[in-house]
Amino acid sequence: MAWKKNLSRSATREIVTIDATDKVVGRLATQIAQILMGKNKATYVPHIDSNVVVKVTNASKLKLTGKKLEQKELIRSTNRPGGLKRTPVSKLMQTNPGAVLEHAVKYMLPKNTTQKERLKRLSIEA
C-alpha cells in the first residue's frame, strides 16, 4: 500500500499585528515568543509549526524600565579570542530599535532547530 502525504494542510498563515507603542520590551517579547511558539493555542505541540506570523509596528516607541537605557548592553561574540562586542542599548534604540526587541525575542525562544524558523516569521517595523 502506498502512502500519500497529507496535502490538506493549508499554506496560509495567520497574521498577528502588535502595536508596540509605550510597551515594555521584555513583556512584549514574552508575548511575541508565546505566539511564535503557538502556546496560546489549544493545539500546541512543541515540534509543530504554529502557522503564525507576527508583525510589530511602532518599535521606535518601545519603553525600557529603570536605568536599562543607560546601563544595559547587548553582547555578541565573534568566536575569536577577545572577540566580545558590546553595544549599548541607548545607541541601538536610536539607530535600530527593532534589533533590541528581536534580540529579546530570540533569547526567549527555545534554543533548538526551530528557533531560526520562528524568528523568520517575526517582522518589526520602526
Protein backbone atom coordinates (compact mmCIF):
# COMPACT_ATOMS: atom_id res chain seq x y z
CA MET A 1 0.00 0.00 0.00
CA ALA A 2 1.45 3.37 -0.99
CA TRP A 3 1.18 6.18 1.50
CA LYS A 4 0.32 9.67 0.36
CA LYS A 5 1.42 12.84 2.05
CA ASN A 6 -1.33 14.74 3.75
CA LEU A 7 -1.80 17.72 1.45
CA SER A 8 -4.81 19.06 3.28
CA ARG A 9 -2.72 21.46 5.37
CA SER A 10 -3.16 24.96 4.10
CA ALA A 11 -0.21 27.19 3.31
CA THR A 12 -1.94 30.29 4.66
CA ARG A 13 -0.57 31.73 7.85
CA GLU A 14 -2.40 33.71 10.48
CA ILE A 15 -1.02 37.26 10.83
CA VAL A 16 -0.93 38.84 14.29
CA THR A 17 -0.23 42.59 14.34
CA ILE A 18 1.01 44.14 17.57
CA ASP A 19 1.36 47.86 18.25
CA ALA A 20 4.46 48.44 20.42
CA THR A 21 3.62 51.99 21.46
CA ASP A 22 4.52 52.53 25.15
CA LYS A 23 5.04 48.82 25.84
CA VAL A 24 7.93 47.44 27.88
CA VAL A 25 10.45 45.45 25.81
CA GLY A 26 10.61 42.33 27.99
CA ARG A 27 6.89 41.94 28.49
CA LEU A 28 6.21 42.41 24.79
CA ALA A 29 8.97 39.94 23.90
CA THR A 30 7.39 37.23 26.08
CA GLN A 31 4.03 37.72 24.38
CA ILE A 32 5.63 37.50 20.93
CA ALA A 33 7.61 34.38 21.85
CA GLN A 34 4.46 32.67 23.14
CA ILE A 35 2.62 33.46 19.91
CA LEU A 36 5.51 32.30 17.68
CA MET A 37 5.73 29.00 19.57
CA GLY A 38 1.96 28.54 19.42
CA LYS A 39 1.50 28.21 23.18
CA ASN A 40 -1.56 30.45 23.04
CA LYS A 41 -3.45 27.77 21.07
CA ALA A 42 -5.13 24.67 22.43
CA THR A 43 -3.47 22.56 19.72
CA TYR A 44 0.10 23.32 20.92
CA VAL A 45 2.70 20.68 20.09
CA PRO A 46 6.36 21.70 20.67
CA HIS A 47 7.79 20.44 17.37
CA ILE A 48 4.97 21.56 15.04
CA ASP A 49 4.88 24.95 13.33
CA SER A 50 2.07 27.16 14.62
CA ASN A 51 1.45 28.91 11.23
CA VAL A 52 1.52 32.39 12.76
CA VAL A 53 3.35 35.48 11.50
CA VAL A 54 3.89 38.31 14.00
CA LYS A 55 4.20 41.88 12.74
CA VAL A 56 5.24 44.55 15.23
CA THR A 57 4.64 48.22 14.44
CA ASN A 58 5.98 51.37 16.13
CA ALA A 59 9.09 49.68 17.56
CA SER A 60 10.70 53.10 17.99
CA LYS A 61 8.16 53.88 20.75
CA LEU A 62 9.18 50.95 23.00
CA LYS A 63 9.93 51.63 26.66
CA LEU A 64 12.72 50.38 28.88
CA THR A 65 12.14 50.45 32.63
CA GLY A 66 14.59 51.58 35.28
CA LYS A 67 18.11 52.54 34.21
CA LYS A 68 18.29 49.96 31.41
CA LEU A 69 18.57 52.62 28.73
CA GLU A 70 21.86 53.89 30.21
CA GLN A 71 23.29 50.67 31.69
CA LYS A 72 22.23 47.71 29.54
CA GLU A 73 24.49 46.38 26.79
CA LEU A 74 23.82 43.73 24.17
CA ILE A 75 26.77 41.37 23.93
CA ARG A 76 27.74 39.24 20.94
CA SER A 77 30.81 37.20 20.18
CA THR A 78 32.96 36.86 17.08
CA ASN A 79 34.13 33.44 18.36
CA ARG A 80 37.71 34.70 18.39
CA PRO A 81 39.87 35.28 21.48
CA GLY A 82 38.95 38.68 22.91
CA GLY A 83 36.14 39.00 20.40
CA LEU A 84 33.27 40.14 22.65
CA LYS A 85 31.43 43.06 21.08
CA ARG A 86 29.31 45.26 23.34
CA THR A 87 26.62 47.59 22.02
CA PRO A 88 24.87 49.99 24.42
CA VAL A 89 21.09 49.77 24.22
CA SER A 90 20.81 53.57 24.15
CA LYS A 91 22.80 53.68 20.88
CA LEU A 92 20.86 50.76 19.41
CA MET A 93 17.48 52.33 20.28
CA GLN A 94 18.47 55.40 18.25
CA THR A 95 19.78 53.53 15.21
CA ASN A 96 17.71 50.32 15.10
CA PRO A 97 15.04 49.94 17.81
CA GLY A 98 13.73 46.73 16.26
CA ALA A 99 17.04 44.99 16.96
CA VAL A 100 16.51 45.36 20.72
CA LEU A 101 13.12 43.64 20.53
CA GLU A 102 14.40 40.97 18.14
CA HIS A 103 17.30 40.18 20.50
CA ALA A 104 14.89 39.84 23.43
CA VAL A 105 12.56 37.53 21.48
CA LYS A 106 15.46 35.41 20.20
CA TYR A 107 16.66 34.56 23.68
CA MET A 108 13.12 33.76 24.87
CA LEU A 109 12.61 31.11 22.17
CA PRO A 110 13.88 27.55 22.73
CA LYS A 111 17.50 27.03 21.67
CA ASN A 112 16.91 24.32 19.08
CA THR A 113 16.42 23.93 15.34
CA THR A 114 13.03 25.63 15.39
CA GLN A 115 14.43 28.93 16.71
CA LYS A 116 15.71 30.19 13.35
CA GLU A 117 12.48 29.31 11.54
CA ARG A 118 10.37 31.04 14.17
CA LEU A 119 12.47 34.20 14.03
CA LYS A 120 11.92 34.38 10.27
CA ARG A 121 8.21 34.80 10.99
CA LEU A 122 8.81 37.94 13.09
CA SER A 123 8.84 41.27 11.27
CA ILE A 124 9.48 44.52 13.10
CA GLU A 125 8.78 47.98 11.71
CA ALA A 126 10.16 51.09 13.35
